[in-house]
Amino acid sequence: TALYVHRHLSPSDLQNLVRNPQGYYPYIQQTATRNVTIDNLQFLN
């Protein structure tokens, strides 16, 4: 995967997501990576 925009999910995050995805996803989104610009790149194979 040439370029990856990522938010690490800890074991605790995964457990909380499985237990209560509707309740916990907003926290994941609020603390994830945001506002990334990728401009004038060439990706080959």
ModelCIF file with pLDDT and N, C-alpha, C, O atoms, coordinates in Angstrom:
data_MODEL
#
_entry.id   MODEL 
#
_entity.id                         1 
_entity.type                       polymer 
_entity.pdbx_number_of_molecules   1 
#
_entity_poly.entity_id                      1 
_entity_poly.type                           'polypeptide(L)' 
_entity_poly.nstd_linkage                   no 
_entity_poly.nstd_monomer                   no 
_entity_poly.pdbx_seq_one_letter_code       TALYVHRHLSPSDLQNLVRNPQGYYPYIQQTATRNVTIDNLQFLN 
_entity_poly.pdbx_seq_one_letter_code_can   TALYVHRHLSPSDLQNLVRNPQGYYPYIQQTATRNVTIDNLQFLN 
_entity_poly.pdbx_strand_id                 A 
#
loop_
_entity_poly_seq.entity_id 
_entity_poly_seq.num 
_entity_poly_seq.mon_id 
_entity_poly_seq.hetero 
1 1  THR n 
1 2  ALA n 
1 3  LEU n 
1 4  TYR n 
1 5  VAL n 
1 6  HIS n 
1 7  ARG n 
1 8  HIS n 
1 9  LEU n 
1 10 SER n 
1 11 PRO n 
1 12 SER n 
1 13 ASP n 
1 14 LEU n 
1 15 GLN n 
1 16 ASN n 
1 17 LEU n 
1 18 VAL n 
1 19 ARG n 
1 20 ASN n 
1 21 PRO n 
1 22 GLN n 
1 23 GLY n 
1 24 TYR n 
1 25 TYR n 
1 26 PRO n 
1 27 TYR n 
1 28 ILE n 
1 29 GLN n 
1 30 GLN n 
1 31 THR n 
1 32 ALA n 
1 33 THR n 
1 34 ARG n 
1 35 ASN n 
1 36 VAL n 
1 37 THR n 
1 38 ILE n 
1 39 ASP n 
1 40 ASN n 
1 41 LEU n 
1 42 GLN n 
1 43 PHE n 
1 44 LEU n 
1 45 ASN n 
#
_struct_asym.id          A 
_struct_asym.entity_id   1 
#
loop_
_ma_qa_metric.id 
_ma_qa_metric.mode 
_ma_qa_metric.name 
_ma_qa_metric.software_group_id 
_ma_qa_metric.type 
1 global pLDDT . pLDDT 
2 local  pLDDT . pLDDT 
#
_ma_qa_metric_global.metric_id      1 
_ma_qa_metric_global.metric_value   97.93 
_ma_qa_metric_global.model_id       1 
_ma_qa_metric_global.ordinal_id     1 
#
loop_
_ma_qa_metric_local.label_asym_id 
_ma_qa_metric_local.label_comp_id 
_ma_qa_metric_local.label_seq_id 
_ma_qa_metric_local.metric_id 
_ma_qa_metric_local.metric_value 
_ma_qa_metric_local.model_id 
_ma_qa_metric_local.ordinal_id 
A THR 1  2 97.00 1 1  
A ALA 2  2 98.00 1 2  
A LEU 3  2 98.00 1 3  
A TYR 4  2 98.00 1 4  
A VAL 5  2 98.00 1 5  
A HIS 6  2 98.00 1 6  
A ARG 7  2 98.00 1 7  
A HIS 8  2 98.00 1 8  
A LEU 9  2 98.00 1 9  
A SER 10 2 98.00 1 10 
A PRO 11 2 97.00 1 11 
A SER 12 2 98.00 1 12 
A ASP 13 2 98.00 1 13 
A LEU 14 2 98.00 1 14 
A GLN 15 2 97.00 1 15 
A ASN 16 2 98.00 1 16 
A LEU 17 2 98.00 1 17 
A VAL 18 2 97.00 1 18 
A ARG 19 2 97.00 1 19 
A ASN 20 2 98.00 1 20 
A PRO 21 2 97.00 1 21 
A GLN 22 2 97.00 1 22 
A GLY 23 2 98.00 1 23 
A TYR 24 2 98.00 1 24 
A TYR 25 2 98.00 1 25 
A PRO 26 2 98.00 1 26 
A TYR 27 2 98.00 1 27 
A ILE 28 2 98.00 1 28 
A GLN 29 2 98.00 1 29 
A GLN 30 2 98.00 1 30 
A THR 31 2 98.00 1 31 
A ALA 32 2 98.00 1 32 
A THR 33 2 98.00 1 33 
A ARG 34 2 98.00 1 34 
A ASN 35 2 98.00 1 35 
A VAL 36 2 99.00 1 36 
A THR 37 2 99.00 1 37 
A ILE 38 2 99.00 1 38 
A ASP 39 2 99.00 1 39 
A ASN 40 2 98.00 1 40 
A LEU 41 2 98.00 1 41 
A GLN 42 2 98.00 1 42 
A PHE 43 2 98.00 1 43 
A LEU 44 2 98.00 1 44 
A ASN 45 2 98.00 1 45 
#
loop_
_atom_site.group_PDB 
_atom_site.id 
_atom_site.type_symbol 
_atom_site.label_atom_id 
_atom_site.label_alt_id 
_atom_site.label_comp_id 
_atom_site.label_asym_id 
_atom_site.label_entity_id 
_atom_site.label_seq_id 
_atom_site.pdbx_PDB_ins_code 
_atom_site.Cartn_x 
_atom_site.Cartn_y 
_atom_site.Cartn_z 
_atom_site.occupancy 
_atom_site.B_iso_or_equiv 
_atom_site.pdbx_formal_charge 
_atom_site.auth_seq_id 
_atom_site.auth_comp_id 
_atom_site.auth_asym_id 
_atom_site.auth_atom_id 
_atom_site.pdbx_PDB_model_num 
ATOM 1   N N  . THR A 1 1  ? 0.874   -1.161 0.000   1.00 97.00 ? 1  THR A N  1 
ATOM 2   C CA . THR A 1 1  ? 0.000   0.000  0.000   1.00 97.00 ? 1  THR A CA 1 
ATOM 3   C C  . THR A 1 1  ? 0.910   1.209  0.000   1.00 97.00 ? 1  THR A C  1 
ATOM 4   O O  . THR A 1 1  ? 1.646   1.429  0.962   1.00 97.00 ? 1  THR A O  1 
ATOM 5   N N  . ALA A 1 2  ? 0.872   1.994  -1.061  1.00 98.00 ? 2  ALA A N  1 
ATOM 6   C CA . ALA A 1 2  ? 1.902   3.024  -1.237  1.00 98.00 ? 2  ALA A CA 1 
ATOM 7   C C  . ALA A 1 2  ? 1.761   4.153  -0.224  1.00 98.00 ? 2  ALA A C  1 
ATOM 8   O O  . ALA A 1 2  ? 2.751   4.590  0.362   1.00 98.00 ? 2  ALA A O  1 
ATOM 9   N N  . LEU A 1 3  ? 0.534   4.628  -0.015  1.00 98.00 ? 3  LEU A N  1 
ATOM 10  C CA . LEU A 1 3  ? 0.304   5.731  0.923   1.00 98.00 ? 3  LEU A CA 1 
ATOM 11  C C  . LEU A 1 3  ? -0.884  5.369  1.801   1.00 98.00 ? 3  LEU A C  1 
ATOM 12  O O  . LEU A 1 3  ? -1.952  5.010  1.306   1.00 98.00 ? 3  LEU A O  1 
ATOM 13  N N  . TYR A 1 4  ? -0.683  5.469  3.112   1.00 98.00 ? 4  TYR A N  1 
ATOM 14  C CA . TYR A 1 4  ? -1.644  4.962  4.077   1.00 98.00 ? 4  TYR A CA 1 
ATOM 15  C C  . TYR A 1 4  ? -2.003  6.072  5.056   1.00 98.00 ? 4  TYR A C  1 
ATOM 16  O O  . TYR A 1 4  ? -1.128  6.627  5.720   1.00 98.00 ? 4  TYR A O  1 
ATOM 17  N N  . VAL A 1 5  ? -3.293  6.396  5.145   1.00 98.00 ? 5  VAL A N  1 
ATOM 18  C CA . VAL A 1 5  ? -3.788  7.337  6.148   1.00 98.00 ? 5  VAL A CA 1 
ATOM 19  C C  . VAL A 1 5  ? -4.432  6.498  7.241   1.00 98.00 ? 5  VAL A C  1 
ATOM 20  O O  . VAL A 1 5  ? -5.359  5.736  6.965   1.00 98.00 ? 5  VAL A O  1 
ATOM 21  N N  . HIS A 1 6  ? -3.958  6.623  8.479   1.00 98.00 ? 6  HIS A N  1 
ATOM 22  C CA . HIS A 1 6  ? -4.123  5.565  9.467   1.00 98.00 ? 6  HIS A CA 1 
ATOM 23  C C  . HIS A 1 6  ? -4.437  6.147  10.842  1.00 98.00 ? 6  HIS A C  1 
ATOM 24  O O  . HIS A 1 6  ? -4.008  7.250  11.182  1.00 98.00 ? 6  HIS A O  1 
ATOM 25  N N  . ARG A 1 7  ? -5.182  5.393  11.610  1.00 98.00 ? 7  ARG A N  1 
ATOM 26  C CA . ARG A 1 7  ? -5.372  5.638  13.035  1.00 98.00 ? 7  ARG A CA 1 
ATOM 27  C C  . ARG A 1 7  ? -5.208  4.295  13.730  1.00 98.00 ? 7  ARG A C  1 
ATOM 28  O O  . ARG A 1 7  ? -5.973  3.367  13.470  1.00 98.00 ? 7  ARG A O  1 
ATOM 29  N N  . HIS A 1 8  ? -4.219  4.182  14.613  1.00 98.00 ? 8  HIS A N  1 
ATOM 30  C CA . HIS A 1 8  ? -3.985  2.911  15.308  1.00 98.00 ? 8  HIS A CA 1 
ATOM 31  C C  . HIS A 1 8  ? -5.176  2.574  16.197  1.00 98.00 ? 8  HIS A C  1 
ATOM 32  O O  . HIS A 1 8  ? -5.690  3.426  16.921  1.00 98.00 ? 8  HIS A O  1 
ATOM 33  N N  . LEU A 1 9  ? -5.605  1.309  16.128  1.00 98.00 ? 9  LEU A N  1 
ATOM 34  C CA . LEU A 1 9  ? -6.666  0.814  16.987  1.00 98.00 ? 9  LEU A CA 1 
ATOM 35  C C  . LEU A 1 9  ? -6.054  -0.146 17.999  1.00 98.00 ? 9  LEU A C  1 
ATOM 36  O O  . LEU A 1 9  ? -5.598  -1.232 17.642  1.00 98.00 ? 9  LEU A O  1 
ATOM 37  N N  . SER A 1 10 ? -6.047  0.259  19.247  1.00 98.00 ? 10 SER A N  1 
ATOM 38  C CA . SER A 1 10 ? -5.475  -0.560 20.315  1.00 98.00 ? 10 SER A CA 1 
ATOM 39  C C  . SER A 1 10 ? -6.406  -1.729 20.642  1.00 98.00 ? 10 SER A C  1 
ATOM 40  O O  . SER A 1 10 ? -7.562  -1.725 20.218  1.00 98.00 ? 10 SER A O  1 
ATOM 41  N N  . PRO A 1 11 ? -5.928  -2.728 21.388  1.00 97.00 ? 11 PRO A N  1 
ATOM 42  C CA . PRO A 1 11 ? -6.836  -3.801 21.821  1.00 97.00 ? 11 PRO A CA 1 
ATOM 43  C C  . PRO A 1 11 ? -8.061  -3.267 22.558  1.00 97.00 ? 11 PRO A C  1 
ATOM 44  O O  . PRO A 1 11 ? -9.159  -3.801 22.402  1.00 97.00 ? 11 PRO A O  1 
ATOM 45  N N  . SER A 1 12 ? -7.879  -2.213 23.361  1.00 98.00 ? 12 SER A N  1 
ATOM 46  C CA . SER A 1 12 ? -9.010  -1.615 24.068  1.00 98.00 ? 12 SER A CA 1 
ATOM 47  C C  . SER A 1 12 ? -9.985  -0.978 23.086  1.00 98.00 ? 12 SER A C  1 
ATOM 48  O O  . SER A 1 12 ? -11.199 -1.118 23.231  1.00 98.00 ? 12 SER A O  1 
ATOM 49  N N  . ASP A 1 13 ? -9.446  -0.268 22.074  1.00 98.00 ? 13 ASP A N  1 
ATOM 50  C CA . ASP A 1 13 ? -10.317 0.311  21.046  1.00 98.00 ? 13 ASP A CA 1 
ATOM 51  C C  . ASP A 1 13 ? -11.145 -0.768 20.355  1.00 98.00 ? 13 ASP A C  1 
ATOM 52  O O  . ASP A 1 13 ? -12.353 -0.614 20.175  1.00 98.00 ? 13 ASP A O  1 
ATOM 53  N N  . LEU A 1 14 ? -10.490 -1.858 19.971  1.00 98.00 ? 14 LEU A N  1 
ATOM 54  C CA . LEU A 1 14 ? -11.194 -2.930 19.262  1.00 98.00 ? 14 LEU A CA 1 
ATOM 55  C C  . LEU A 1 14 ? -12.281 -3.540 20.137  1.00 98.00 ? 14 LEU A C  1 
ATOM 56  O O  . LEU A 1 14 ? -13.379 -3.823 19.658  1.00 98.00 ? 14 LEU A O  1 
ATOM 57  N N  . GLN A 1 15 ? -11.983 -3.745 21.417  1.00 97.00 ? 15 GLN A N  1 
ATOM 58  C CA . GLN A 1 15 ? -12.980 -4.309 22.329  1.00 97.00 ? 15 GLN A CA 1 
ATOM 59  C C  . GLN A 1 15 ? -14.179 -3.371 22.465  1.00 97.00 ? 15 GLN A C  1 
ATOM 60  O O  . GLN A 1 15 ? -15.327 -3.815 22.437  1.00 97.00 ? 15 GLN A O  1 
ATOM 61  N N  . ASN A 1 16 ? -13.907 -2.077 22.611  1.00 98.00 ? 16 ASN A N  1 
ATOM 62  C CA . ASN A 1 16 ? -14.998 -1.113 22.754  1.00 98.00 ? 16 ASN A CA 1 
ATOM 63  C C  . ASN A 1 16 ? -15.823 -0.995 21.479  1.00 98.00 ? 16 ASN A C  1 
ATOM 64  O O  . ASN A 1 16 ? -17.041 -0.827 21.536  1.00 98.00 ? 16 ASN A O  1 
ATOM 65  N N  . LEU A 1 17 ? -15.157 -1.083 20.329  1.00 98.00 ? 17 LEU A N  1 
ATOM 66  C CA . LEU A 1 17 ? -15.888 -1.041 19.072  1.00 98.00 ? 17 LEU A CA 1 
ATOM 67  C C  . LEU A 1 17 ? -16.801 -2.251 18.920  1.00 98.00 ? 17 LEU A C  1 
ATOM 68  O O  . LEU A 1 17 ? -17.937 -2.120 18.462  1.00 98.00 ? 17 LEU A O  1 
ATOM 69  N N  . VAL A 1 18 ? -16.320 -3.404 19.294  1.00 97.00 ? 18 VAL A N  1 
ATOM 70  C CA . VAL A 1 18 ? -17.145 -4.609 19.196  1.00 97.00 ? 18 VAL A CA 1 
ATOM 71  C C  . VAL A 1 18 ? -18.321 -4.538 20.168  1.00 97.00 ? 18 VAL A C  1 
ATOM 72  O O  . VAL A 1 18 ? -19.438 -4.915 19.817  1.00 97.00 ? 18 VAL A O  1 
ATOM 73  N N  . ARG A 1 19 ? -18.075 -4.054 21.393  1.00 97.00 ? 19 ARG A N  1 
ATOM 74  C CA . ARG A 1 19 ? -19.140 -3.982 22.403  1.00 97.00 ? 19 ARG A CA 1 
ATOM 75  C C  . ARG A 1 19 ? -20.190 -2.943 22.072  1.00 97.00 ? 19 ARG A C  1 
ATOM 76  O O  . ARG A 1 19 ? -21.384 -3.174 22.258  1.00 97.00 ? 19 ARG A O  1 
ATOM 77  N N  . ASN A 1 20 ? -19.738 -1.781 21.575  1.00 98.00 ? 20 ASN A N  1 
ATOM 78  C CA . ASN A 1 20 ? -20.670 -0.668 21.379  1.00 98.00 ? 20 ASN A CA 1 
ATOM 79  C C  . ASN A 1 20 ? -20.207 0.178  20.192  1.00 98.00 ? 20 ASN A C  1 
ATOM 80  O O  . ASN A 1 20 ? -19.725 1.294  20.382  1.00 98.00 ? 20 ASN A O  1 
ATOM 81  N N  . PRO A 1 21 ? -20.348 -0.335 18.983  1.00 97.00 ? 21 PRO A N  1 
ATOM 82  C CA . PRO A 1 21 ? -19.811 0.410  17.835  1.00 97.00 ? 21 PRO A CA 1 
ATOM 83  C C  . PRO A 1 21 ? -20.455 1.782  17.641  1.00 97.00 ? 21 PRO A C  1 
ATOM 84  O O  . PRO A 1 21 ? -19.757 2.750  17.338  1.00 97.00 ? 21 PRO A O  1 
ATOM 85  N N  . GLN A 1 22 ? -21.775 1.881  17.810  1.00 97.00 ? 22 GLN A N  1 
ATOM 86  C CA . GLN A 1 22 ? -22.423 3.178  17.616  1.00 97.00 ? 22 GLN A CA 1 
ATOM 87  C C  . GLN A 1 22 ? -21.944 4.205  18.641  1.00 97.00 ? 22 GLN A C  1 
ATOM 88  O O  . GLN A 1 22 ? -21.813 5.389  18.329  1.00 97.00 ? 22 GLN A O  1 
ATOM 89  N N  . GLY A 1 23 ? -21.688 3.752  19.848  1.00 98.00 ? 23 GLY A N  1 
ATOM 90  C CA . GLY A 1 23 ? -21.253 4.672  20.892  1.00 98.00 ? 23 GLY A CA 1 
ATOM 91  C C  . GLY A 1 23 ? -19.784 5.026  20.830  1.00 98.00 ? 23 GLY A C  1 
ATOM 92  O O  . GLY A 1 23 ? -19.390 6.121  21.230  1.00 98.00 ? 23 GLY A O  1 
ATOM 93  N N  . TYR A 1 24 ? -18.950 4.090  20.321  1.00 98.00 ? 24 TYR A N  1 
ATOM 94  C CA . TYR A 1 24 ? -17.501 4.301  20.402  1.00 98.00 ? 24 TYR A CA 1 
ATOM 95  C C  . TYR A 1 24 ? -16.900 4.857  19.110  1.00 98.00 ? 24 TYR A C  1 
ATOM 96  O O  . TYR A 1 24 ? -15.840 5.482  19.139  1.00 98.00 ? 24 TYR A O  1 
ATOM 97  N N  . TYR A 1 25 ? -17.562 4.634  17.995  1.00 98.00 ? 25 TYR A N  1 
ATOM 98  C CA . TYR A 1 25 ? -17.003 5.123  16.729  1.00 98.00 ? 25 TYR A CA 1 
ATOM 99  C C  . TYR A 1 25 ? -16.776 6.637  16.714  1.00 98.00 ? 25 TYR A C  1 
ATOM 100 O O  . TYR A 1 25 ? -15.753 7.078  16.190  1.00 98.00 ? 25 TYR A O  1 
ATOM 101 N N  . PRO A 1 26 ? -17.686 7.457  17.268  1.00 98.00 ? 26 PRO A N  1 
ATOM 102 C CA . PRO A 1 26 ? -17.409 8.900  17.260  1.00 98.00 ? 26 PRO A CA 1 
ATOM 103 C C  . PRO A 1 26 ? -16.081 9.262  17.916  1.00 98.00 ? 26 PRO A C  1 
ATOM 104 O O  . PRO A 1 26 ? -15.395 10.175 17.455  1.00 98.00 ? 26 PRO A O  1 
ATOM 105 N N  . TYR A 1 27 ? -15.710 8.565  18.979  1.00 98.00 ? 27 TYR A N  1 
ATOM 106 C CA . TYR A 1 27 ? -14.419 8.832  19.613  1.00 98.00 ? 27 TYR A CA 1 
ATOM 107 C C  . TYR A 1 27 ? -13.269 8.477  18.676  1.00 98.00 ? 27 TYR A C  1 
ATOM 108 O O  . TYR A 1 27 ? -12.291 9.219  18.586  1.00 98.00 ? 27 TYR A O  1 
ATOM 109 N N  . ILE A 1 28 ? -13.377 7.354  17.981  1.00 98.00 ? 28 ILE A N  1 
ATOM 110 C CA . ILE A 1 28 ? -12.338 6.969  17.020  1.00 98.00 ? 28 ILE A CA 1 
ATOM 111 C C  . ILE A 1 28 ? -12.207 8.036  15.939  1.00 98.00 ? 28 ILE A C  1 
ATOM 112 O O  . ILE A 1 28 ? -11.096 8.442  15.599  1.00 98.00 ? 28 ILE A O  1 
ATOM 113 N N  . GLN A 1 29 ? -13.327 8.489  15.400  1.00 98.00 ? 29 GLN A N  1 
ATOM 114 C CA . GLN A 1 29 ? -13.288 9.490  14.336  1.00 98.00 ? 29 GLN A CA 1 
ATOM 115 C C  . GLN A 1 29 ? -12.732 10.823 14.825  1.00 98.00 ? 29 GLN A C  1 
ATOM 116 O O  . GLN A 1 29 ? -11.991 11.488 14.101  1.00 98.00 ? 29 GLN A O  1 
ATOM 117 N N  . GLN A 1 30 ? -13.085 11.218 16.043  1.00 98.00 ? 30 GLN A N  1 
ATOM 118 C CA . GLN A 1 30 ? -12.611 12.492 16.572  1.00 98.00 ? 30 GLN A CA 1 
ATOM 119 C C  . GLN A 1 30 ? -11.110 12.483 16.859  1.00 98.00 ? 30 GLN A C  1 
ATOM 120 O O  . GLN A 1 30 ? -10.481 13.541 16.870  1.00 98.00 ? 30 GLN A O  1 
ATOM 121 N N  . THR A 1 31 ? -10.536 11.322 17.087  1.00 98.00 ? 31 THR A N  1 
ATOM 122 C CA . THR A 1 31 ? -9.112  11.229 17.441  1.00 98.00 ? 31 THR A CA 1 
ATOM 123 C C  . THR A 1 31 ? -8.289  10.583 16.326  1.00 98.00 ? 31 THR A C  1 
ATOM 124 O O  . THR A 1 31 ? -7.156  10.155 16.551  1.00 98.00 ? 31 THR A O  1 
ATOM 125 N N  . ALA A 1 32 ? -8.858  10.517 15.139  1.00 98.00 ? 32 ALA A N  1 
ATOM 126 C CA . ALA A 1 32 ? -8.147  9.935  14.004  1.00 98.00 ? 32 ALA A CA 1 
ATOM 127 C C  . ALA A 1 32 ? -7.399  11.017 13.229  1.00 98.00 ? 32 ALA A C  1 
ATOM 128 O O  . ALA A 1 32 ? -7.491  12.203 13.546  1.00 98.00 ? 32 ALA A O  1 
ATOM 129 N N  . THR A 1 33 ? -6.662  10.590 12.214  1.00 98.00 ? 33 THR A N  1 
ATOM 130 C CA . THR A 1 33 ? -5.906  11.501 11.361  1.00 98.00 ? 33 THR A CA 1 
ATOM 131 C C  . THR A 1 33 ? -6.872  12.293 10.474  1.00 98.00 ? 33 THR A C  1 
ATOM 132 O O  . THR A 1 33 ? -7.842  11.744 9.952   1.00 98.00 ? 33 THR A O  1 
ATOM 133 N N  . ARG A 1 34 ? -6.593  13.586 10.312  1.00 98.00 ? 34 ARG A N  1 
ATOM 134 C CA . ARG A 1 34 ? -7.533  14.459 9.596   1.00 98.00 ? 34 ARG A CA 1 
ATOM 135 C C  . ARG A 1 34 ? -6.763  15.548 8.846   1.00 98.00 ? 34 ARG A C  1 
ATOM 136 O O  . ARG A 1 34 ? -5.676  15.964 9.248   1.00 98.00 ? 34 ARG A O  1 
ATOM 137 N N  . ASN A 1 35 ? -7.365  15.989 7.747   1.00 98.00 ? 35 ASN A N  1 
ATOM 138 C CA . ASN A 1 35 ? -6.819  17.099 6.951   1.00 98.00 ? 35 ASN A CA 1 
ATOM 139 C C  . ASN A 1 35 ? -5.437  16.763 6.389   1.00 98.00 ? 35 ASN A C  1 
ATOM 140 O O  . ASN A 1 35 ? -4.424  17.337 6.789   1.00 98.00 ? 35 ASN A O  1 
ATOM 141 N N  . VAL A 1 36 ? -5.432  15.834 5.466   1.00 99.00 ? 36 VAL A N  1 
ATOM 142 C CA . VAL A 1 36 ? -4.213  15.425 4.760   1.00 99.00 ? 36 VAL A CA 1 
ATOM 143 C C  . VAL A 1 36 ? -4.373  15.781 3.291   1.00 99.00 ? 36 VAL A C  1 
ATOM 144 O O  . VAL A 1 36 ? -5.411  15.502 2.690   1.00 99.00 ? 36 VAL A O  1 
ATOM 145 N N  . THR A 1 37 ? -3.342  16.399 2.708   1.00 99.00 ? 37 THR A N  1 
ATOM 146 C CA . THR A 1 37 ? -3.366  16.741 1.284   1.00 99.00 ? 37 THR A CA 1 
ATOM 147 C C  . THR A 1 37 ? -2.248  16.006 0.556   1.00 99.00 ? 37 THR A C  1 
ATOM 148 O O  . THR A 1 37 ? -1.085  16.051 0.957   1.00 99.00 ? 37 THR A O  1 
ATOM 149 N N  . ILE A 1 38 ? -2.630  15.327 -0.525  1.00 99.00 ? 38 ILE A N  1 
ATOM 150 C CA . ILE A 1 38 ? -1.701  14.579 -1.369  1.00 99.00 ? 38 ILE A CA 1 
ATOM 151 C C  . ILE A 1 38 ? -1.782  15.214 -2.750  1.00 99.00 ? 38 ILE A C  1 
ATOM 152 O O  . ILE A 1 38 ? -2.822  15.141 -3.405  1.00 99.00 ? 38 ILE A O  1 
ATOM 153 N N  . ASP A 1 39 ? -0.710  15.830 -3.195  1.00 99.00 ? 39 ASP A N  1 
ATOM 154 C CA . ASP A 1 39 ? -0.763  16.674 -4.386  1.00 99.00 ? 39 ASP A CA 1 
ATOM 155 C C  . ASP A 1 39 ? 0.391   16.351 -5.339  1.00 99.00 ? 39 ASP A C  1 
ATOM 156 O O  . ASP A 1 39 ? 1.552   16.305 -4.934  1.00 99.00 ? 39 ASP A O  1 
ATOM 157 N N  . ASN A 1 40 ? 0.054   16.130 -6.598  1.00 98.00 ? 40 ASN A N  1 
ATOM 158 C CA . ASN A 1 40 ? 1.052   15.957 -7.651  1.00 98.00 ? 40 ASN A CA 1 
ATOM 159 C C  . ASN A 1 40 ? 2.010   14.800 -7.354  1.00 98.00 ? 40 ASN A C  1 
ATOM 160 O O  . ASN A 1 40 ? 3.230   14.960 -7.398  1.00 98.00 ? 40 ASN A O  1 
ATOM 161 N N  . LEU A 1 41 ? 1.442   13.648 -7.055  1.00 98.00 ? 41 LEU A N  1 
ATOM 162 C CA . LEU A 1 41 ? 2.226   12.424 -6.921  1.00 98.00 ? 41 LEU A CA 1 
ATOM 163 C C  . LEU A 1 41 ? 1.896   11.482 -8.070  1.00 98.00 ? 41 LEU A C  1 
ATOM 164 O O  . LEU A 1 41 ? 0.774   11.466 -8.576  1.00 98.00 ? 41 LEU A O  1 
ATOM 165 N N  . GLN A 1 42 ? 2.883   10.704 -8.470  1.00 98.00 ? 42 GLN A N  1 
ATOM 166 C CA . GLN A 1 42 ? 2.671   9.629  -9.438  1.00 98.00 ? 42 GLN A CA 1 
ATOM 167 C C  . GLN A 1 42 ? 2.936   8.301  -8.731  1.00 98.00 ? 42 GLN A C  1 
ATOM 168 O O  . GLN A 1 42 ? 3.985   8.103  -8.118  1.00 98.00 ? 42 GLN A O  1 
ATOM 169 N N  . PHE A 1 43 ? 1.967   7.402  -8.830  1.00 98.00 ? 43 PHE A N  1 
ATOM 170 C CA . PHE A 1 43 ? 2.076   6.073  -8.239  1.00 98.00 ? 43 PHE A CA 1 
ATOM 171 C C  . PHE A 1 43 ? 2.162   5.064  -9.380  1.00 98.00 ? 43 PHE A C  1 
ATOM 172 O O  . PHE A 1 43 ? 1.289   5.035  -10.248 1.00 98.00 ? 43 PHE A O  1 
ATOM 173 N N  . LEU A 1 44 ? 3.190   4.250  -9.386  1.00 98.00 ? 44 LEU A N  1 
ATOM 174 C CA . LEU A 1 44 ? 3.366   3.261  -10.440 1.00 98.00 ? 44 LEU A CA 1 
ATOM 175 C C  . LEU A 1 44 ? 3.482   1.869  -9.837  1.00 98.00 ? 44 LEU A C  1 
ATOM 176 O O  . LEU A 1 44 ? 4.428   1.572  -9.108  1.00 98.00 ? 44 LEU A O  1 
ATOM 177 N N  . ASN A 1 45 ? 2.511   1.023  -10.150 1.00 98.00 ? 45 ASN A N  1 
ATOM 178 C CA . ASN A 1 45 ? 2.530   -0.394 -9.803  1.00 98.00 ? 45 ASN A CA 1 
ATOM 179 C C  . ASN A 1 45 ? 2.708   -0.688 -8.316  1.00 98.00 ? 45 ASN A C  1 
ATOM 180 O O  . ASN A 1 45 ? 2.738   -1.851 -7.915  1.00 98.00 ? 45 ASN A O  1 
#
